[in-house]
N, C-alpha and C. Protein backbone atom coordinates (compact mmCIF):
# COMPACT_ATOMS: atom_id res chain seq x y z
N MET A 1 28.35 -49.12 -23.44
CA MET A 1 28.92 -47.86 -24.00
C MET A 1 30.12 -48.44 -23.79
N ILE A 2 30.71 -49.86 -24.54
CA ILE A 2 32.27 -50.63 -24.89
C ILE A 2 32.23 -50.30 -25.93
N GLY A 3 33.11 -50.07 -27.12
CA GLY A 3 33.04 -49.12 -28.42
C GLY A 3 32.62 -48.15 -29.50
N SER A 4 31.59 -47.18 -27.92
CA SER A 4 31.41 -46.33 -28.04
C SER A 4 32.37 -45.14 -28.45
N TRP A 5 32.10 -43.94 -29.04
CA TRP A 5 33.04 -43.01 -29.18
C TRP A 5 33.35 -42.57 -28.01
N ILE A 6 32.78 -42.63 -26.31
CA ILE A 6 33.51 -42.28 -25.60
C ILE A 6 33.83 -42.56 -24.79
N SER A 7 33.87 -44.37 -24.52
CA SER A 7 35.00 -45.01 -24.80
C SER A 7 36.24 -44.72 -25.16
N LYS A 8 35.80 -44.47 -26.10
CA LYS A 8 37.57 -44.31 -26.89
C LYS A 8 38.05 -43.20 -26.71
N SER A 9 36.94 -42.57 -26.20
CA SER A 9 37.86 -40.50 -25.94
C SER A 9 38.58 -40.25 -24.73
N LEU A 10 37.76 -41.22 -23.62
CA LEU A 10 38.59 -41.67 -22.26
C LEU A 10 38.73 -42.57 -21.96
N SER A 11 40.44 -42.56 -20.85
CA SER A 11 40.46 -43.85 -20.18
C SER A 11 39.87 -44.53 -19.77
N GLU A 12 39.96 -45.84 -19.48
CA GLU A 12 39.16 -46.39 -18.59
C GLU A 12 39.22 -45.82 -17.14
N GLU A 13 40.06 -45.85 -16.97
CA GLU A 13 39.99 -45.41 -15.49
C GLU A 13 39.57 -43.94 -15.52
N LYS A 14 39.45 -42.99 -16.51
CA LYS A 14 38.34 -42.14 -16.25
C LYS A 14 36.96 -42.14 -16.26
N LEU A 15 37.19 -43.41 -17.27
CA LEU A 15 35.47 -43.70 -17.21
C LEU A 15 34.63 -44.37 -16.44
N THR A 16 35.63 -44.74 -15.64
CA THR A 16 35.15 -45.59 -15.15
C THR A 16 35.10 -45.35 -13.45
N GLU A 17 35.71 -43.45 -13.26
CA GLU A 17 35.37 -42.54 -12.82
C GLU A 17 34.04 -42.27 -12.55
N VAL A 18 33.89 -41.54 -13.97
CA VAL A 18 32.60 -41.22 -14.44
C VAL A 18 31.39 -41.42 -14.42
N LEU A 19 31.40 -43.33 -14.36
CA LEU A 19 30.08 -43.66 -14.76
C LEU A 19 29.90 -44.11 -13.05
N GLY A 20 30.95 -44.30 -12.36
CA GLY A 20 30.93 -44.58 -11.06
C GLY A 20 29.32 -43.44 -10.19
N HIS A 21 29.57 -42.43 -10.83
CA HIS A 21 28.64 -40.93 -9.95
C HIS A 21 27.52 -40.79 -10.50
N VAL A 22 27.30 -41.67 -11.30
CA VAL A 22 25.20 -42.42 -11.66
C VAL A 22 25.23 -43.28 -10.68
N ASP A 23 23.55 -43.17 -10.73
CA ASP A 23 22.71 -43.29 -9.83
C ASP A 23 21.79 -45.02 -10.55
N PHE A 24 22.09 -45.97 -11.41
CA PHE A 24 21.46 -45.44 -12.34
C PHE A 24 19.86 -46.09 -12.07
N GLU A 25 19.57 -46.18 -10.94
CA GLU A 25 18.00 -46.63 -10.76
C GLU A 25 17.76 -45.48 -10.44
N ARG A 26 18.56 -44.44 -10.58
CA ARG A 26 17.09 -42.68 -10.74
C ARG A 26 18.05 -41.86 -11.59
N GLN A 27 18.75 -42.12 -12.41
CA GLN A 27 19.65 -42.06 -13.40
C GLN A 27 19.78 -42.16 -14.25
N ILE A 28 19.92 -41.27 -15.31
CA ILE A 28 20.17 -42.00 -17.34
C ILE A 28 21.89 -41.12 -17.02
N PHE A 29 21.87 -41.69 -18.09
CA PHE A 29 24.16 -40.87 -18.80
C PHE A 29 23.45 -40.87 -19.46
N VAL A 30 24.15 -39.57 -20.63
CA VAL A 30 24.16 -38.88 -21.75
C VAL A 30 24.76 -38.32 -21.88
N SER A 31 25.64 -39.36 -23.28
CA SER A 31 26.62 -37.74 -23.62
C SER A 31 26.17 -37.55 -25.06
N LEU A 32 26.57 -36.01 -25.66
CA LEU A 32 26.39 -35.81 -26.57
C LEU A 32 27.25 -35.84 -27.52
N SER A 33 26.72 -35.67 -28.25
CA SER A 33 28.38 -34.96 -29.29
C SER A 33 27.57 -34.58 -30.78
N PHE A 34 27.73 -32.78 -30.60
CA PHE A 34 27.23 -32.66 -31.15
C PHE A 34 27.99 -31.89 -32.74
N CYS A 35 27.48 -32.82 -33.37
CA CYS A 35 28.07 -32.85 -34.99
C CYS A 35 27.63 -34.15 -36.06
N LYS A 36 28.64 -34.26 -36.76
CA LYS A 36 28.52 -35.50 -37.87
C LYS A 36 28.32 -36.82 -37.55
N ARG A 37 27.85 -37.78 -37.42
CA ARG A 37 28.56 -39.33 -37.33
C ARG A 37 27.69 -39.75 -38.17
N GLN A 38 28.32 -40.48 -37.96
CA GLN A 38 27.93 -41.86 -39.30
C GLN A 38 27.06 -43.48 -38.30
N ASN A 39 25.85 -43.75 -39.48
CA ASN A 39 25.78 -44.85 -38.51
C ASN A 39 25.74 -46.42 -39.95
N ALA A 40 24.68 -47.29 -39.28
CA ALA A 40 24.73 -48.13 -40.74
C ALA A 40 24.18 -47.91 -42.14
N THR A 41 23.33 -47.03 -41.55
CA THR A 41 22.46 -46.60 -42.59
C THR A 41 22.82 -45.28 -42.56
N GLY A 42 22.93 -44.69 -43.21
CA GLY A 42 23.86 -42.86 -43.64
C GLY A 42 24.78 -42.26 -41.93
N THR A 43 23.81 -41.00 -42.43
CA THR A 43 25.08 -40.05 -41.71
C THR A 43 23.70 -39.56 -40.72
N ILE A 44 23.92 -39.66 -39.08
CA ILE A 44 23.01 -38.57 -37.96
C ILE A 44 24.02 -36.69 -37.86
N TYR A 45 22.70 -36.20 -37.72
CA TYR A 45 23.25 -35.08 -37.15
C TYR A 45 22.94 -34.27 -35.64
N ILE A 46 23.12 -34.10 -35.30
CA ILE A 46 23.01 -33.85 -33.79
C ILE A 46 23.12 -32.20 -33.79
N SER A 47 21.86 -32.30 -33.13
CA SER A 47 21.33 -30.40 -33.05
C SER A 47 21.29 -30.07 -31.58
N GLY A 48 20.78 -31.16 -31.39
CA GLY A 48 20.17 -30.23 -29.50
C GLY A 48 19.86 -31.19 -28.41
N ILE A 49 20.03 -31.48 -27.83
CA ILE A 49 18.92 -31.29 -26.04
C ILE A 49 18.74 -30.95 -25.54
N ASN A 50 17.59 -31.34 -25.10
CA ASN A 50 17.19 -30.11 -23.85
C ASN A 50 16.33 -30.80 -22.72
N TYR A 51 16.90 -31.06 -21.20
CA TYR A 51 16.14 -31.68 -21.27
C TYR A 51 14.98 -30.59 -19.88
N ASN A 52 13.75 -31.04 -19.68
CA ASN A 52 12.64 -30.46 -18.79
C ASN A 52 12.65 -31.19 -17.56
N SER A 53 12.76 -30.34 -16.42
CA SER A 53 12.81 -31.15 -15.08
C SER A 53 10.83 -31.16 -14.98
N LEU A 54 9.85 -30.48 -15.17
CA LEU A 54 8.81 -30.13 -15.13
C LEU A 54 8.10 -31.69 -15.00
N LEU A 55 8.21 -32.26 -16.45
CA LEU A 55 7.92 -33.58 -17.21
C LEU A 55 9.19 -34.47 -16.77
N GLU A 56 10.30 -34.33 -16.33
CA GLU A 56 11.47 -34.66 -16.12
C GLU A 56 10.97 -35.81 -17.04
N SER A 57 11.07 -34.86 -19.21
CA SER A 57 11.79 -35.34 -19.83
C SER A 57 13.05 -35.07 -20.83
N LEU A 58 13.03 -35.37 -21.62
CA LEU A 58 14.65 -35.02 -21.93
C LEU A 58 14.47 -35.42 -24.12
N SER A 59 15.06 -34.55 -24.07
CA SER A 59 14.13 -34.79 -25.97
C SER A 59 15.84 -34.45 -27.10
N ILE A 60 16.07 -34.88 -27.45
CA ILE A 60 16.98 -35.06 -28.56
C ILE A 60 17.14 -34.20 -30.14
N SER A 61 17.12 -33.84 -30.69
CA SER A 61 16.63 -32.57 -31.94
C SER A 61 18.41 -33.50 -33.50
N GLY A 62 17.93 -33.45 -34.37
CA GLY A 62 18.81 -34.20 -34.74
C GLY A 62 17.84 -34.70 -36.57
N LEU A 63 18.97 -34.09 -37.58
CA LEU A 63 18.69 -35.32 -38.90
C LEU A 63 19.07 -35.88 -39.23
N ILE A 64 18.27 -37.07 -39.73
CA ILE A 64 19.34 -38.23 -39.66
C ILE A 64 19.43 -38.19 -41.68
N GLY A 65 20.56 -38.74 -42.62
CA GLY A 65 20.03 -39.26 -43.86
C GLY A 65 20.30 -40.58 -43.74
N VAL A 66 19.64 -41.17 -44.62
CA VAL A 66 19.55 -42.68 -45.17
C VAL A 66 19.88 -42.82 -46.15
N ASN A 67 21.10 -43.30 -46.64
CA ASN A 67 21.85 -44.21 -47.44
C ASN A 67 20.31 -45.28 -48.72
């Protein structure tokens, strides 16, 4: 998370507080920004996220543009 957009968006104190609420033995931490993001090879457009509690599964939808 160091260097990620969320660590740049929250103060160090607030990020520590948020992460302190996560039990990493039984939970995952997901941060999502619905917008356009750049990566090393192109652009990623995140369009949705869904959690299925019956299957305990997470699905993320998006479009990836490759340069």
